Protein backbone atom coordinates (compact mmCIF):
# COMPACT_ATOMS: atom_id res chain seq x y z
CA MET A 1 1.20 -18.08 -5.38
CA THR A 2 2.79 -17.59 -8.77
CA ASN A 3 3.59 -20.26 -11.33
CA PHE A 4 6.84 -21.13 -13.09
CA LEU A 5 5.96 -19.48 -16.41
CA THR A 6 4.75 -16.27 -14.77
CA LEU A 7 7.99 -16.01 -12.78
CA PHE A 8 10.07 -16.17 -15.96
CA GLN A 9 7.83 -13.66 -17.71
CA ARG A 10 8.32 -11.28 -14.78
CA LEU A 11 12.08 -11.93 -14.78
CA GLN A 12 12.15 -11.12 -18.48
CA SER A 13 10.29 -7.90 -17.78
CA GLU A 14 12.84 -6.91 -15.11
CA LEU A 15 16.05 -8.15 -16.77
CA GLY A 16 15.05 -7.22 -20.31
CA GLU A 17 14.12 -9.26 -23.34
CA ALA A 18 17.70 -9.18 -24.64
CA ALA A 19 18.97 -10.80 -21.43
CA LEU A 20 16.17 -13.35 -21.09
CA PRO A 21 14.21 -13.94 -24.32
CA LEU A 22 11.41 -16.47 -23.90
CA TYR A 23 9.74 -18.90 -26.30
CA PRO A 24 6.00 -18.59 -25.57
CA GLU A 25 5.08 -22.05 -26.92
CA ALA A 26 7.63 -23.90 -24.78
CA LYS A 27 6.55 -27.14 -23.11
CA ALA A 28 9.68 -27.73 -21.00
CA PRO A 29 11.89 -25.43 -18.91
CA ARG A 30 14.96 -25.63 -21.20
CA GLU A 31 12.79 -24.81 -24.23
CA LEU A 32 11.50 -21.67 -22.52
CA ILE A 33 14.82 -19.81 -22.86
CA LEU A 34 15.86 -18.86 -26.39
CA SER A 35 19.45 -19.35 -27.50
CA GLN A 36 19.82 -15.58 -28.00
CA ALA A 37 19.80 -15.04 -24.23
CA LEU A 38 22.69 -13.13 -22.67
CA HIS A 39 23.78 -16.34 -20.89
CA PRO A 40 21.80 -19.04 -22.75
CA GLU A 41 23.14 -22.20 -21.07
CA LEU A 42 23.17 -20.57 -17.64
CA SER A 43 19.58 -19.37 -18.11
CA LYS A 44 18.46 -22.79 -19.30
CA ASP A 45 20.20 -24.45 -16.35
CA ALA A 46 18.53 -21.97 -13.98
CA ALA A 47 15.11 -22.70 -15.50
CA THR A 48 15.66 -26.45 -15.22
CA LEU A 49 16.86 -26.32 -11.61
CA ILE A 50 14.05 -23.98 -10.52
CA PHE A 51 11.55 -26.33 -12.20
CA GLU A 52 13.05 -29.39 -10.47
CA HIS A 53 13.53 -27.81 -7.03
CA ASN A 54 9.87 -26.73 -7.02
CA ARG A 55 8.80 -30.23 -8.13
CA CYS A 56 6.98 -28.88 -11.15
CA ALA A 57 5.36 -31.19 -13.67
CA ASN A 58 4.51 -28.44 -16.16
CA LEU A 59 5.22 -24.75 -16.73
CA LEU A 60 2.02 -23.65 -15.01
CA ASP A 61 2.77 -25.38 -11.70
CA PRO A 62 3.13 -23.12 -8.65
CA ILE A 63 6.54 -22.25 -7.28
CA SER A 64 7.72 -20.74 -4.02
CA LEU A 65 10.59 -18.62 -2.80
CA TYR A 66 12.88 -20.99 -0.89
CA PRO A 67 13.08 -23.87 -3.40
CA THR A 68 13.71 -21.29 -6.12
CA LEU A 69 16.53 -19.66 -4.15
CA ASP A 70 17.95 -23.13 -3.40
CA ALA A 71 18.04 -23.83 -7.14
CA LEU A 72 19.87 -20.59 -7.90
CA GLY A 73 22.28 -21.19 -5.04
CA ALA A 74 23.03 -24.68 -6.32
CA LEU A 75 23.70 -23.29 -9.79
CA LYS A 76 26.04 -20.63 -8.42
CA ALA A 77 27.90 -23.27 -6.39
CA GLN A 78 28.27 -25.47 -9.49
CA ILE A 79 29.79 -22.60 -11.44
CA LEU A 80 32.18 -21.61 -8.64
CA GLN A 81 33.33 -25.21 -8.14
CA SER A 82 33.75 -25.92 -11.84
CA GLY A 83 36.53 -23.37 -12.25
CA ARG A 84 34.62 -21.65 -15.06
CA ALA A 85 33.49 -18.84 -12.78
CA ASP A 86 32.69 -15.85 -14.93
CA ILE A 87 31.95 -12.69 -12.94
CA ASP A 88 29.18 -11.72 -15.38
CA ALA A 89 27.54 -15.13 -15.01
CA ILE A 90 27.74 -14.95 -11.22
CA ARG A 91 26.28 -11.44 -11.25
CA PHE A 92 23.45 -12.63 -13.53
CA ILE A 93 22.54 -15.42 -11.09
CA GLU A 94 22.70 -12.99 -8.17
CA ASP A 95 20.47 -10.53 -10.04
CA MET A 96 17.98 -13.32 -10.67
CA GLY A 97 18.08 -14.23 -6.98
CA TYR A 98 17.46 -10.65 -5.93
CA LEU A 99 14.50 -10.34 -8.31
CA VAL A 100 13.09 -13.72 -7.28
CA THR A 101 13.25 -12.63 -3.66
CA GLN A 102 11.35 -9.44 -4.46
CA LEU A 103 8.78 -11.10 -6.70
CA LEU A 104 8.05 -14.20 -4.64
CA SER A 105 8.36 -12.88 -1.09
CA ASP A 106 5.66 -10.29 -1.78
CA LEU A 107 3.38 -13.03 -3.06
CA ASP A 108 4.16 -15.34 -0.13
CA GLU A 109 3.42 -12.56 2.37
CA GLN A 110 0.12 -11.76 0.63
CA SER A 111 -0.96 -15.40 0.75
CA LEU A 112 -0.05 -15.55 4.46
CA ASP A 113 -2.11 -12.44 5.13
CA ARG A 114 -5.13 -14.05 3.50
CA THR A 115 -4.85 -17.32 5.44
CA GLU A 116 -4.20 -15.98 8.92
CA ASN A 117 -7.17 -15.83 11.24
CA PRO A 118 -7.25 -12.77 13.45
CA LEU A 119 -7.11 -13.44 17.15
CA THR A 120 -10.38 -12.93 18.91
CA GLU A 121 -10.88 -11.89 22.47
CA VAL A 122 -11.64 -14.71 24.86
CA ARG A 123 -13.67 -13.88 27.95
CA MET A 124 -13.95 -16.08 30.95
């Protein structure tokens, strides 16, 4: 299972440092995203919601796929309902969701593979 900070480092790697610049000494989710981000408030809101939906207490707490997608979905719904729907902002959230799905579903499947016990033959 991956942690909150690692997810954002991997998102930065995929989206680019210009789109998602990170502050390595951050102690809170909003501090993690620098104000030079492509969508700074949106990125900070995404970080905060992902942190909260995964019930994190610090940046190194583990996160999982479905609470993270719920957070991004809630953010997208907020933007659409607010009337400030910007197509670039919506696309950015959707790109994050796509990447999160790729990054976290692989990890979730690997952890399932490790915990499953193979069926053994039962003879009577």
